[in-house]
């Protein structure tokens, strides 16, 4: 194996790693947003139930 081949493989691995990292970051961000929305929805429904309870 020549040195240029090794470098090429290394570059390929690096690019794969970075694109994989980008995907992971993107998915993590989306999941975080989803979780935050769900938490907000839960808190909001709790608040609504509390206010309805107070109005009764």
PDB file of N, CA and C in Angstrom:
ATOM      1  N   UNK A   1       0.853  -1.198   0.000  1.00  0.00           N
ATOM      2  CA  UNK A   1       0.000   0.000   0.000  1.00  0.00           C
ATOM      3  C   UNK A   1       0.890   1.250   0.000  1.00  0.00           C
ATOM      4  N   UNK A   2       0.632   2.139  -0.903  1.00  0.00           N
ATOM      5  CA  UNK A   2       1.437   3.365  -0.962  1.00  0.00           C
ATOM      6  C   UNK A   2       0.884   4.409  -0.004  1.00  0.00           C
ATOM      7  N   UNK A   3       1.653   5.439   0.198  1.00  0.00           N
ATOM      8  CA  UNK A   3       1.278   6.478   1.154  1.00  0.00           C
ATOM      9  C   UNK A   3       0.027   7.228   0.697  1.00  0.00           C
ATOM     10  N   UNK A   4      -0.095   7.455  -0.624  1.00  0.00           N
ATOM     11  CA  UNK A   4      -1.253   8.199  -1.132  1.00  0.00           C
ATOM     12  C   UNK A   4      -2.540   7.421  -0.876  1.00  0.00           C
ATOM     13  N   UNK A   5      -2.477   6.095  -0.981  1.00  0.00           N
ATOM     14  CA  UNK A   5      -3.648   5.274  -0.698  1.00  0.00           C
ATOM     15  C   UNK A   5      -4.081   5.422   0.756  1.00  0.00           C
ATOM     16  N   UNK A   6      -3.113   5.411   1.642  1.00  0.00           N
ATOM     17  CA  UNK A   6      -3.410   5.552   3.069  1.00  0.00           C
ATOM     18  C   UNK A   6      -4.077   6.893   3.325  1.00  0.00           C
ATOM     19  N   UNK A   7      -3.544   7.942   2.712  1.00  0.00           N
ATOM     20  CA  UNK A   7      -4.110   9.275   2.907  1.00  0.00           C
ATOM     21  C   UNK A   7      -5.545   9.327   2.396  1.00  0.00           C
ATOM     22  N   UNK A   8      -5.779   8.698   1.243  1.00  0.00           N
ATOM     23  CA  UNK A   8      -7.122   8.704   0.663  1.00  0.00           C
ATOM     24  C   UNK A   8      -8.117   8.023   1.602  1.00  0.00           C
ATOM     25  N   UNK A   9      -7.728   6.872   2.116  1.00  0.00           N
ATOM     26  CA  UNK A   9      -8.602   6.151   3.050  1.00  0.00           C
ATOM     27  C   UNK A   9      -8.877   7.010   4.276  1.00  0.00           C
ATOM     28  N   UNK A  10      -7.841   7.664   4.765  1.00  0.00           N
ATOM     29  CA  UNK A  10      -7.975   8.515   5.939  1.00  0.00           C
ATOM     30  C   UNK A  10      -8.945   9.666   5.667  1.00  0.00           C
ATOM     31  N   UNK A  11      -8.800  10.306   4.503  1.00  0.00           N
ATOM     32  CA  UNK A  11      -9.703  11.404   4.141  1.00  0.00           C
ATOM     33  C   UNK A  11     -11.139  10.904   4.052  1.00  0.00           C
ATOM     34  N   UNK A  12     -11.301   9.736   3.449  1.00  0.00           N
ATOM     35  CA  UNK A  12     -12.633   9.156   3.325  1.00  0.00           C
ATOM     36  C   UNK A  12     -13.254   8.928   4.695  1.00  0.00           C
ATOM     37  N   UNK A  13     -12.488   8.343   5.589  1.00  0.00           N
ATOM     38  CA  UNK A  13     -12.977   8.067   6.937  1.00  0.00           C
ATOM     39  C   UNK A  13     -13.350   9.370   7.640  1.00  0.00           C
ATOM     40  N   UNK A  14     -12.520  10.388   7.445  1.00  0.00           N
ATOM     41  CA  UNK A  14     -12.793  11.680   8.075  1.00  0.00           C
ATOM     42  C   UNK A  14     -14.090  12.271   7.545  1.00  0.00           C
ATOM     43  N   UNK A  15     -14.276  12.201   6.225  1.00  0.00           N
ATOM     44  CA  UNK A  15     -15.499  12.761   5.638  1.00  0.00           C
ATOM     45  C   UNK A  15     -16.723  11.997   6.110  1.00  0.00           C
ATOM     46  N   UNK A  16     -16.606  10.669   6.158  1.00  0.00           N
ATOM     47  CA  UNK A  16     -17.725   9.856   6.639  1.00  0.00           C
ATOM     48  C   UNK A  16     -18.035  10.223   8.086  1.00  0.00           C
ATOM     49  N   UNK A  17     -16.980  10.364   8.884  1.00  0.00           N
ATOM     50  CA  UNK A  17     -17.160  10.712  10.293  1.00  0.00           C
ATOM     51  C   UNK A  17     -17.874  12.052  10.433  1.00  0.00           C
ATOM     52  N   UNK A  18     -17.441  13.052   9.639  1.00  0.00           N
ATOM     53  CA  UNK A  18     -18.042  14.379   9.762  1.00  0.00           C
ATOM     54  C   UNK A  18     -19.486  14.397   9.277  1.00  0.00           C
ATOM     55  N   UNK A  19     -19.787  13.691   8.188  1.00  0.00           N
ATOM     56  CA  UNK A  19     -21.173  13.673   7.727  1.00  0.00           C
ATOM     57  C   UNK A  19     -22.047  12.928   8.729  1.00  0.00           C
ATOM     58  N   UNK A  20     -21.502  11.862   9.321  1.00  0.00           N
ATOM     59  CA  UNK A  20     -22.228  11.121  10.346  1.00  0.00           C
ATOM     60  C   UNK A  20     -22.488  12.016  11.550  1.00  0.00           C
ATOM     61  N   UNK A  21     -21.463  12.787  11.930  1.00  0.00           N
ATOM     62  CA  UNK A  21     -21.587  13.698  13.062  1.00  0.00           C
ATOM     63  C   UNK A  21     -22.667  14.742  12.790  1.00  0.00           C
ATOM     64  N   UNK A  22     -22.683  15.261  11.553  1.00  0.00           N
ATOM     65  CA  UNK A  22     -23.701  16.251  11.183  1.00  0.00           C
ATOM     66  C   UNK A  22     -25.090  15.664  11.333  1.00  0.00           C
ATOM     67  N   UNK A  23     -25.270  14.435  10.849  1.00  0.00           N
ATOM     68  CA  UNK A  23     -26.580  13.777  10.943  1.00  0.00           C
ATOM     69  C   UNK A  23     -26.970  13.590  12.403  1.00  0.00           C
ATOM     70  N   UNK A  24     -26.010  13.138  13.205  1.00  0.00           N
ATOM     71  CA  UNK A  24     -26.290  12.914  14.630  1.00  0.00           C
ATOM     72  C   UNK A  24     -26.677  14.223  15.312  1.00  0.00           C
ATOM     73  N   UNK A  25     -25.933  15.289  15.015  1.00  0.00           N
ATOM     74  CA  UNK A  25     -26.245  16.589  15.608  1.00  0.00           C
ATOM     75  C   UNK A  25     -27.636  17.053  15.186  1.00  0.00           C
ATOM     76  N   UNK A  26     -27.957  16.858  13.906  1.00  0.00           N
ATOM     77  CA  UNK A  26     -29.256  17.266  13.378  1.00  0.00           C
ATOM     78  C   UNK A  26     -30.379  16.506  14.074  1.00  0.00           C
ATOM     79  N   UNK A  27     -30.204  15.191  14.173  1.00  0.00           N
ATOM     80  CA  UNK A  27     -31.224  14.358  14.823  1.00  0.00           C
ATOM     81  C   UNK A  27     -31.366  14.736  16.293  1.00  0.00           C
ATOM     82  N   UNK A  28     -30.236  14.951  16.954  1.00  0.00           N
ATOM     83  CA  UNK A  28     -30.267  15.320  18.371  1.00  0.00           C
ATOM     84  C   UNK A  28     -31.011  16.640  18.560  1.00  0.00           C
ATOM     85  N   UNK A  29     -30.755  17.581  17.656  1.00  0.00           N
ATOM     86  CA  UNK A  29     -31.421  18.881  17.727  1.00  0.00           C
ATOM     87  C   UNK A  29     -32.924  18.714  17.548  1.00  0.00           C
ATOM     88  N   UNK A  30     -33.328  17.922  16.551  1.00  0.00           N
ATOM     89  CA  UNK A  30     -34.751  17.691  16.301  1.00  0.00           C
ATOM     90  C   UNK A  30     -35.403  17.013  17.498  1.00  0.00           C
ATOM     91  N   UNK A  31     -34.716  16.020  18.061  1.00  0.00           N
ATOM     92  CA  UNK A  31     -35.261  15.316  19.217  1.00  0.00           C
ATOM     93  C   UNK A  31     -35.422  16.261  20.394  1.00  0.00           C
ATOM     94  N   UNK A  32     -34.424  17.130  20.583  1.00  0.00           N
ATOM     95  CA  UNK A  32     -34.491  18.080  21.692  1.00  0.00           C
ATOM     96  C   UNK A  32     -35.692  19.001  21.511  1.00  0.00           C
ATOM     97  N   UNK A  33     -35.901  19.475  20.288  1.00  0.00           N
ATOM     98  CA  UNK A  33     -37.041  20.348  20.020  1.00  0.00           C
ATOM     99  C   UNK A  33     -38.344  19.608  20.296  1.00  0.00           C
ATOM    100  N   UNK A  34     -38.395  18.342  19.867  1.00  0.00           N
ATOM    101  CA  UNK A  34     -39.597  17.541  20.063  1.00  0.00           C
ATOM    102  C   UNK A  34     -39.879  17.364  21.552  1.00  0.00           C
ATOM    103  N   UNK A  35     -38.823  17.048  22.306  1.00  0.00           N
ATOM    104  CA  UNK A  35     -38.973  16.853  23.752  1.00  0.00           C
ATOM    105  C   UNK A  35     -39.422  18.149  24.412  1.00  0.00           C
ATOM    106  N   UNK A  36     -38.806  19.268  24.009  1.00  0.00           N
ATOM    107  CA  UNK A  36     -39.173  20.560  24.589  1.00  0.00           C
ATOM    108  C   UNK A  36     -40.632  20.884  24.288  1.00  0.00           C
ATOM    109  N   UNK A  37     -41.052  20.629  23.051  1.00  0.00           N
ATOM    110  CA  UNK A  37     -42.451  20.893  22.688  1.00  0.00           C
ATOM    111  C   UNK A  37     -43.390  20.045  23.524  1.00  0.00           C
ATOM    112  N   UNK A  38     -43.033  18.753  23.688  1.00  0.00           N
ATOM    113  CA  UNK A  38     -43.872  17.863  24.484  1.00  0.00           C
ATOM    114  C   UNK A  38     -43.929  18.312  25.936  1.00  0.00           C
ATOM    115  N   UNK A  39     -42.789  18.725  26.473  1.00  0.00           N
ATOM    116  CA  UNK A  39     -42.759  19.201  27.858  1.00  0.00           C
ATOM    117  C   UNK A  39     -43.614  20.452  28.003  1.00  0.00           C
ATOM    118  N   UNK A  40     -43.496  21.364  27.027  1.00  0.00           N
ATOM    119  CA  UNK A  40     -44.299  22.584  27.072  1.00  0.00           C
ATOM    120  C   UNK A  40     -45.779  22.242  26.989  1.00  0.00           C
ATOM    121  N   UNK A  41     -46.120  21.299  26.124  1.00  0.00           N
ATOM    122  CA  UNK A  41     -47.515  20.895  25.978  1.00  0.00           C
ATOM    123  C   UNK A  41     -48.030  20.292  27.277  1.00  0.00           C
ATOM    124  N   UNK A  42     -47.200  19.462  27.906  1.00  0.00           N
ATOM    125  CA  UNK A  42     -47.591  18.862  29.180  1.00  0.00           C
ATOM    126  C   UNK A  42     -47.804  19.933  30.237  1.00  0.00           C
ATOM    127  N   UNK A  43     -46.849  20.858  30.347  1.00  0.00           N
ATOM    128  CA  UNK A  43     -46.975  21.930  31.327  1.00  0.00           C
ATOM    129  C   UNK A  43     -48.201  22.777  31.038  1.00  0.00           C
ATOM    130  N   UNK A  44     -48.435  23.045  29.743  1.00  0.00           N
ATOM    131  CA  UNK A  44     -49.569  23.875  29.358  1.00  0.00           C
ATOM    132  C   UNK A  44     -50.884  23.194  29.738  1.00  0.00           C
ATOM    133  N   UNK A  45     -50.974  21.887  29.474  1.00  0.00           N
ATOM    134  CA  UNK A  45     -52.211  21.185  29.811  1.00  0.00           C
ATOM    135  C   UNK A  45     -52.400  21.137  31.321  1.00  0.00           C
ATOM    136  N   UNK A  46     -51.297  21.019  32.066  1.00  0.00           N
ATOM    137  CA  UNK A  46     -51.398  21.036  33.530  1.00  0.00           C
ATOM    138  C   UNK A  46     -51.922  22.383  34.001  1.00  0.00           C
ATOM    139  N   UNK A  47     -51.380  23.458  33.413  1.00  0.00           N
ATOM    140  CA  UNK A  47     -51.814  24.807  33.786  1.00  0.00           C
ATOM    141  C   UNK A  47     -53.294  24.982  33.453  1.00  0.00           C
ATOM    142  N   UNK A  48     -53.694  24.511  32.274  1.00  0.00           N
ATOM    143  CA  UNK A  48     -55.098  24.615  31.875  1.00  0.00           C
ATOM    144  C   UNK A  48     -55.983  23.871  32.862  1.00  0.00           C
ATOM    145  N   UNK A  49     -55.564  22.674  33.238  1.00  0.00           N
ATOM    146  CA  UNK A  49     -56.358  21.894  34.180  1.00  0.00           C
ATOM    147  C   UNK A  49     -56.430  22.602  35.525  1.00  0.00           C
ATOM    148  N   UNK A  50     -55.320  23.196  35.942  1.00  0.00           N
ATOM    149  CA  UNK A  50     -55.300  23.910  37.215  1.00  0.00           C
ATOM    150  C   UNK A  50     -56.237  25.105  37.184  1.00  0.00           C
ATOM    151  N   UNK A  51     -56.219  25.862  36.073  1.00  0.00           N
ATOM    152  CA  UNK A  51     -57.082  27.042  36.006  1.00  0.00           C
ATOM    153  C   UNK A  51     -58.541  26.621  35.942  1.00  0.00           C
ATOM    154  N   UNK A  52     -58.835  25.546  35.211  1.00  0.00           N
ATOM    155  CA  UNK A  52     -60.216  25.062  35.161  1.00  0.00           C
ATOM    156  C   UNK A  52     -60.661  24.616  36.544  1.00  0.00           C
ATOM    157  N   UNK A  53     -59.748  23.972  37.249  1.00  0.00           N
ATOM    158  CA  UNK A  53     -60.040  23.504  38.598  1.00  0.00           C
ATOM    159  C   UNK A  53     -60.343  24.689  39.507  1.00  0.00           C
ATOM    160  N   UNK A  54     -59.586  25.774  39.331  1.00  0.00           N
ATOM    161  CA  UNK A  54     -59.804  26.962  40.149  1.00  0.00           C
ATOM    162  C   UNK A  54     -61.132  27.628  39.820  1.00  0.00           C
ATOM    163  N   UNK A  55     -61.528  27.568  38.549  1.00  0.00           N
ATOM    164  CA  UNK A  55     -62.770  28.242  38.148  1.00  0.00           C
ATOM    165  C   UNK A  55     -64.007  27.489  38.612  1.00  0.00           C
ATOM    166  N   UNK A  56     -63.847  26.202  38.931  1.00  0.00           N
ATOM    167  CA  UNK A  56     -65.014  25.406  39.316  1.00  0.00           C
ATOM    168  C   UNK A  56     -65.577  25.820  40.670  1.00  0.00           C
TER     169      UNK A  56
END
